[in-house]
Amino acid sequence: MEIRGIGFVGSHTPAHAEMSSFLRDVLRLRPVAVEGVGAELFAAANGDVLGVAPPEDEGAAERTIGLVVADLGVAVAELHAAGVETDGIAENARWRYTHFRAPDGKLYELVEERAF
């Protein structure tokens, strides 16, 4: 499997509104709307995305790091062959993705970018 980059970082926080304002107004990240995503998304100049969600959303108190792959199906098969479980493939208007836990017990995801 070839990891092409880190295209997405997601955070759940009780300071959701404050973080959204900080990312937009202080760090000047550009708000991005993606159909099918409940978190507020902000893009860096290179297109990488930081998502901020309230803690009551799925995966509360977790952070995820989205590792970009060319073919999600192939990458998932490689994870399964290595004995790593995934939570199935989901998608929204921008990405196809799956979550998994690495040996450190932390939540990560593989992300395939869709044409948008």
N, C-alpha and C. Protein backbone atom coordinates (compact mmCIF):
# COMPACT_ATOMS: atom_id res chain seq x y z
N MET A 1 0.85 -1.17 0.00
CA MET A 1 0.00 0.00 0.00
C MET A 1 0.89 1.23 0.00
N GLU A 2 0.54 2.19 -0.82
CA GLU A 2 1.29 3.45 -0.88
C GLU A 2 0.45 4.55 -0.25
N ILE A 3 0.97 5.17 0.80
CA ILE A 3 0.30 6.31 1.41
C ILE A 3 0.77 7.55 0.67
N ARG A 4 -0.17 8.27 0.08
CA ARG A 4 0.17 9.44 -0.74
C ARG A 4 0.27 10.73 0.06
N GLY A 5 -0.21 10.71 1.28
CA GLY A 5 -0.14 11.91 2.11
C GLY A 5 -1.14 11.84 3.24
N ILE A 6 -1.16 12.88 4.02
CA ILE A 6 -2.16 13.03 5.08
C ILE A 6 -3.10 14.11 4.59
N GLY A 7 -4.28 13.69 4.17
CA GLY A 7 -5.21 14.63 3.56
C GLY A 7 -6.29 15.14 4.47
N PHE A 8 -6.41 14.52 5.66
CA PHE A 8 -7.52 14.87 6.54
C PHE A 8 -7.12 14.62 7.99
N VAL A 9 -7.47 15.55 8.84
CA VAL A 9 -7.36 15.36 10.29
C VAL A 9 -8.69 15.78 10.88
N GLY A 10 -9.25 14.90 11.71
CA GLY A 10 -10.54 15.20 12.34
C GLY A 10 -10.39 15.28 13.84
N SER A 11 -11.13 16.18 14.45
CA SER A 11 -11.08 16.37 15.89
C SER A 11 -12.49 16.53 16.44
N HIS A 12 -12.76 15.93 17.60
CA HIS A 12 -14.02 16.11 18.32
C HIS A 12 -13.70 16.91 19.57
N THR A 13 -14.45 17.96 19.82
CA THR A 13 -14.14 18.81 20.96
C THR A 13 -15.39 19.47 21.52
N PRO A 14 -15.46 19.60 22.85
CA PRO A 14 -16.58 20.34 23.44
C PRO A 14 -16.47 21.84 23.14
N ALA A 15 -15.28 22.31 22.72
CA ALA A 15 -15.09 23.71 22.34
C ALA A 15 -15.25 23.86 20.82
N HIS A 16 -16.26 23.20 20.29
CA HIS A 16 -16.49 23.15 18.84
C HIS A 16 -16.63 24.54 18.23
N ALA A 17 -17.50 25.37 18.77
CA ALA A 17 -17.73 26.71 18.21
C ALA A 17 -16.47 27.56 18.29
N GLU A 18 -15.78 27.50 19.43
CA GLU A 18 -14.56 28.27 19.60
C GLU A 18 -13.47 27.83 18.64
N MET A 19 -13.34 26.51 18.46
CA MET A 19 -12.34 25.99 17.52
C MET A 19 -12.66 26.39 16.10
N SER A 20 -13.93 26.33 15.72
CA SER A 20 -14.31 26.72 14.36
C SER A 20 -13.96 28.18 14.11
N SER A 21 -14.27 29.05 15.07
CA SER A 21 -13.93 30.47 14.92
C SER A 21 -12.42 30.67 14.84
N PHE A 22 -11.68 29.96 15.69
CA PHE A 22 -10.23 30.07 15.70
C PHE A 22 -9.63 29.65 14.35
N LEU A 23 -10.07 28.51 13.84
CA LEU A 23 -9.54 28.02 12.57
C LEU A 23 -9.85 28.98 11.42
N ARG A 24 -11.06 29.52 11.42
CA ARG A 24 -11.48 30.43 10.35
C ARG A 24 -10.86 31.82 10.51
N ASP A 25 -10.96 32.39 11.72
CA ASP A 25 -10.62 33.81 11.90
C ASP A 25 -9.15 34.06 12.25
N VAL A 26 -8.53 33.14 12.98
CA VAL A 26 -7.15 33.35 13.40
C VAL A 26 -6.18 32.64 12.46
N LEU A 27 -6.40 31.35 12.22
CA LEU A 27 -5.52 30.62 11.33
C LEU A 27 -5.86 30.84 9.86
N ARG A 28 -7.02 31.44 9.62
CA ARG A 28 -7.48 31.78 8.26
C ARG A 28 -7.57 30.58 7.31
N LEU A 29 -7.99 29.43 7.90
CA LEU A 29 -8.29 28.28 7.05
C LEU A 29 -9.64 28.52 6.39
N ARG A 30 -9.78 28.05 5.17
CA ARG A 30 -10.98 28.29 4.37
C ARG A 30 -12.06 27.27 4.69
N PRO A 31 -13.27 27.74 5.11
CA PRO A 31 -14.37 26.80 5.34
C PRO A 31 -14.71 26.05 4.05
N VAL A 32 -14.98 24.75 4.19
CA VAL A 32 -15.31 23.90 3.05
C VAL A 32 -16.59 23.14 3.38
N ALA A 33 -17.51 23.13 2.44
CA ALA A 33 -18.74 22.35 2.62
C ALA A 33 -18.63 21.08 1.78
N VAL A 34 -18.85 19.94 2.44
CA VAL A 34 -18.86 18.66 1.74
C VAL A 34 -20.15 17.95 2.14
N GLU A 35 -20.96 17.65 1.15
CA GLU A 35 -22.22 16.97 1.40
C GLU A 35 -21.98 15.63 2.07
N GLY A 36 -22.71 15.36 3.15
CA GLY A 36 -22.59 14.10 3.85
C GLY A 36 -21.62 14.12 5.02
N VAL A 37 -21.07 15.28 5.33
CA VAL A 37 -20.14 15.42 6.45
C VAL A 37 -20.78 16.30 7.52
N GLY A 38 -20.83 15.80 8.76
CA GLY A 38 -21.44 16.55 9.84
C GLY A 38 -20.50 17.54 10.51
N ALA A 39 -19.20 17.31 10.41
CA ALA A 39 -18.22 18.21 11.03
C ALA A 39 -18.07 19.47 10.20
N GLU A 40 -17.58 20.53 10.83
CA GLU A 40 -17.20 21.71 10.07
C GLU A 40 -15.81 21.46 9.53
N LEU A 41 -15.62 21.71 8.25
CA LEU A 41 -14.35 21.43 7.58
C LEU A 41 -13.66 22.73 7.19
N PHE A 42 -12.34 22.72 7.28
CA PHE A 42 -11.53 23.88 6.93
C PHE A 42 -10.34 23.40 6.12
N ALA A 43 -10.05 24.09 5.03
CA ALA A 43 -8.97 23.68 4.14
C ALA A 43 -7.77 24.60 4.25
N ALA A 44 -6.59 23.99 4.20
CA ALA A 44 -5.33 24.73 4.11
C ALA A 44 -5.12 25.10 2.64
N ALA A 45 -4.15 25.94 2.38
CA ALA A 45 -3.88 26.38 1.01
C ALA A 45 -3.59 25.21 0.07
N ASN A 46 -2.99 24.13 0.58
CA ASN A 46 -2.66 22.99 -0.28
C ASN A 46 -3.82 22.01 -0.45
N GLY A 47 -4.97 22.29 0.18
CA GLY A 47 -6.14 21.44 0.04
C GLY A 47 -6.34 20.44 1.16
N ASP A 48 -5.36 20.27 2.05
CA ASP A 48 -5.54 19.39 3.20
C ASP A 48 -6.66 19.93 4.07
N VAL A 49 -7.37 19.04 4.75
CA VAL A 49 -8.58 19.42 5.46
C VAL A 49 -8.50 19.08 6.94
N LEU A 50 -8.95 20.01 7.77
CA LEU A 50 -9.10 19.79 9.21
C LEU A 50 -10.58 19.86 9.51
N GLY A 51 -11.11 18.81 10.14
CA GLY A 51 -12.51 18.77 10.51
C GLY A 51 -12.68 18.89 12.01
N VAL A 52 -13.69 19.67 12.43
CA VAL A 52 -13.97 19.85 13.85
C VAL A 52 -15.44 19.50 14.09
N ALA A 53 -15.67 18.57 15.01
CA ALA A 53 -17.03 18.13 15.31
C ALA A 53 -17.28 18.22 16.80
N PRO A 54 -18.54 18.40 17.20
CA PRO A 54 -18.86 18.36 18.62
C PRO A 54 -18.67 16.95 19.17
N PRO A 55 -18.47 16.81 20.47
CA PRO A 55 -18.17 15.49 21.03
C PRO A 55 -19.33 14.50 20.95
N GLU A 56 -20.55 14.95 20.77
CA GLU A 56 -21.66 14.00 20.70
C GLU A 56 -21.75 13.28 19.37
N ASP A 57 -20.96 13.72 18.38
CA ASP A 57 -20.94 13.02 17.10
C ASP A 57 -20.23 11.68 17.25
N GLU A 58 -20.45 10.80 16.28
CA GLU A 58 -19.82 9.47 16.29
C GLU A 58 -18.31 9.60 16.44
N GLY A 59 -17.72 8.74 17.24
CA GLY A 59 -16.27 8.77 17.44
C GLY A 59 -15.85 9.82 18.45
N ALA A 60 -16.76 10.22 19.32
CA ALA A 60 -16.50 11.29 20.27
C ALA A 60 -15.18 11.09 21.00
N ALA A 61 -14.54 12.20 21.30
CA ALA A 61 -13.27 12.25 22.02
C ALA A 61 -12.14 11.58 21.25
N GLU A 62 -12.32 11.37 19.97
CA GLU A 62 -11.29 10.78 19.13
C GLU A 62 -10.77 11.83 18.15
N ARG A 63 -9.57 11.58 17.72
CA ARG A 63 -9.03 12.32 16.59
C ARG A 63 -8.74 11.28 15.53
N THR A 64 -8.97 11.63 14.30
CA THR A 64 -8.62 10.72 13.22
C THR A 64 -7.64 11.42 12.28
N ILE A 65 -6.79 10.63 11.71
CA ILE A 65 -5.86 11.11 10.70
C ILE A 65 -6.16 10.33 9.44
N GLY A 66 -6.48 11.03 8.37
CA GLY A 66 -6.82 10.40 7.11
C GLY A 66 -5.61 10.25 6.22
N LEU A 67 -5.19 9.01 6.02
CA LEU A 67 -4.05 8.71 5.16
C LEU A 67 -4.57 8.45 3.75
N VAL A 68 -4.12 9.23 2.81
CA VAL A 68 -4.62 9.17 1.44
C VAL A 68 -4.01 7.98 0.69
N VAL A 69 -4.88 7.19 0.07
CA VAL A 69 -4.46 6.07 -0.77
C VAL A 69 -5.09 6.22 -2.15
N ALA A 70 -4.51 5.55 -3.14
CA ALA A 70 -5.03 5.63 -4.50
C ALA A 70 -6.28 4.79 -4.68
N ASP A 71 -6.30 3.60 -4.09
CA ASP A 71 -7.41 2.67 -4.26
C ASP A 71 -7.80 2.11 -2.90
N LEU A 72 -8.90 2.58 -2.37
CA LEU A 72 -9.32 2.20 -1.03
C LEU A 72 -9.58 0.70 -0.92
N GLY A 73 -10.21 0.11 -1.91
CA GLY A 73 -10.50 -1.31 -1.87
C GLY A 73 -9.24 -2.15 -1.74
N VAL A 74 -8.21 -1.82 -2.50
CA VAL A 74 -6.94 -2.54 -2.44
C VAL A 74 -6.29 -2.34 -1.07
N ALA A 75 -6.31 -1.10 -0.58
CA ALA A 75 -5.70 -0.80 0.72
C ALA A 75 -6.41 -1.53 1.86
N VAL A 76 -7.74 -1.59 1.81
CA VAL A 76 -8.50 -2.32 2.84
C VAL A 76 -8.14 -3.80 2.80
N ALA A 77 -8.03 -4.36 1.61
CA ALA A 77 -7.66 -5.77 1.49
C ALA A 77 -6.28 -6.02 2.11
N GLU A 78 -5.36 -5.09 1.93
CA GLU A 78 -4.03 -5.24 2.52
C GLU A 78 -4.09 -5.16 4.04
N LEU A 79 -4.91 -4.27 4.58
CA LEU A 79 -5.08 -4.20 6.04
C LEU A 79 -5.64 -5.51 6.57
N HIS A 80 -6.70 -5.99 5.93
CA HIS A 80 -7.32 -7.24 6.37
C HIS A 80 -6.32 -8.40 6.31
N ALA A 81 -5.51 -8.45 5.26
CA ALA A 81 -4.50 -9.50 5.13
C ALA A 81 -3.46 -9.43 6.25
N ALA A 82 -3.27 -8.23 6.78
CA ALA A 82 -2.32 -8.05 7.88
C ALA A 82 -2.98 -8.24 9.24
N GLY A 83 -4.28 -8.62 9.24
CA GLY A 83 -4.99 -8.86 10.48
C GLY A 83 -5.58 -7.62 11.12
N VAL A 84 -5.68 -6.53 10.37
CA VAL A 84 -6.24 -5.28 10.90
C VAL A 84 -7.70 -5.16 10.46
N GLU A 85 -8.58 -4.99 11.44
CA GLU A 85 -10.01 -4.84 11.15
C GLU A 85 -10.33 -3.40 10.76
N THR A 86 -11.32 -3.27 9.89
CA THR A 86 -11.82 -1.94 9.51
C THR A 86 -13.32 -1.90 9.79
N ASP A 87 -13.89 -0.71 9.72
CA ASP A 87 -15.32 -0.57 10.01
C ASP A 87 -16.17 -0.49 8.75
N GLY A 88 -15.64 -0.95 7.63
CA GLY A 88 -16.39 -0.90 6.37
C GLY A 88 -16.12 0.40 5.64
N ILE A 89 -16.45 0.42 4.38
CA ILE A 89 -16.20 1.60 3.56
C ILE A 89 -17.43 2.50 3.59
N ALA A 90 -17.20 3.77 3.90
CA ALA A 90 -18.24 4.79 3.89
C ALA A 90 -17.82 5.84 2.87
N GLU A 91 -18.74 6.72 2.54
CA GLU A 91 -18.39 7.76 1.59
C GLU A 91 -19.25 8.98 1.77
N ASN A 92 -18.72 10.10 1.29
CA ASN A 92 -19.48 11.34 1.22
C ASN A 92 -19.16 11.95 -0.14
N ALA A 93 -19.50 13.19 -0.35
CA ALA A 93 -19.32 13.80 -1.66
C ALA A 93 -17.85 13.97 -2.06
N ARG A 94 -16.94 13.95 -1.10
CA ARG A 94 -15.52 14.17 -1.42
C ARG A 94 -14.64 12.95 -1.25
N TRP A 95 -14.94 12.08 -0.27
CA TRP A 95 -14.05 10.98 0.06
C TRP A 95 -14.78 9.65 0.17
N ARG A 96 -14.05 8.56 -0.06
CA ARG A 96 -14.42 7.20 0.37
C ARG A 96 -13.42 6.90 1.47
N TYR A 97 -13.85 6.25 2.55
CA TYR A 97 -12.94 6.07 3.67
C TYR A 97 -13.35 4.88 4.54
N THR A 98 -12.38 4.44 5.34
CA THR A 98 -12.62 3.42 6.35
C THR A 98 -11.75 3.72 7.55
N HIS A 99 -12.24 3.39 8.74
CA HIS A 99 -11.48 3.60 9.97
C HIS A 99 -10.86 2.28 10.43
N PHE A 100 -9.75 2.39 11.13
CA PHE A 100 -9.10 1.23 11.73
C PHE A 100 -8.30 1.69 12.93
N ARG A 101 -7.97 0.75 13.80
CA ARG A 101 -7.12 1.05 14.95
C ARG A 101 -5.73 0.48 14.68
N ALA A 102 -4.74 1.33 14.85
CA ALA A 102 -3.35 0.93 14.68
C ALA A 102 -2.87 0.24 15.96
N PRO A 103 -1.67 -0.32 15.95
CA PRO A 103 -1.18 -1.01 17.14
C PRO A 103 -1.16 -0.14 18.41
N ASP A 104 -1.13 1.19 18.25
CA ASP A 104 -1.15 2.07 19.43
C ASP A 104 -2.54 2.23 20.01
N GLY A 105 -3.55 1.60 19.36
CA GLY A 105 -4.93 1.70 19.83
C GLY A 105 -5.66 2.94 19.36
N LYS A 106 -4.99 3.81 18.65
CA LYS A 106 -5.59 5.06 18.18
C LYS A 106 -6.34 4.83 16.87
N LEU A 107 -7.33 5.68 16.64
CA LEU A 107 -8.16 5.61 15.45
C LEU A 107 -7.50 6.35 14.29
N TYR A 108 -7.43 5.69 13.15
CA TYR A 108 -6.90 6.26 11.91
C TYR A 108 -7.89 5.94 10.81
N GLU A 109 -7.69 6.55 9.65
CA GLU A 109 -8.52 6.18 8.51
C GLU A 109 -7.73 6.21 7.24
N LEU A 110 -8.16 5.37 6.30
CA LEU A 110 -7.64 5.41 4.93
C LEU A 110 -8.67 6.18 4.12
N VAL A 111 -8.19 7.05 3.26
CA VAL A 111 -9.06 7.96 2.52
C VAL A 111 -8.71 7.88 1.04
N GLU A 112 -9.74 7.72 0.23
CA GLU A 112 -9.58 7.81 -1.24
C GLU A 112 -10.32 9.07 -1.67
N GLU A 113 -9.63 9.98 -2.28
CA GLU A 113 -10.28 11.22 -2.71
C GLU A 113 -11.08 10.98 -3.98
N ARG A 114 -12.30 11.49 -3.96
CA ARG A 114 -13.16 11.39 -5.14
C ARG A 114 -13.00 12.66 -5.96
N ALA A 115 -13.26 12.57 -7.22
CA ALA A 115 -13.23 13.78 -8.06
C ALA A 115 -14.35 14.70 -7.59
N PHE A 116 -14.03 15.96 -7.41
CA PHE A 116 -15.06 16.92 -6.99
C PHE A 116 -14.86 18.22 -7.69
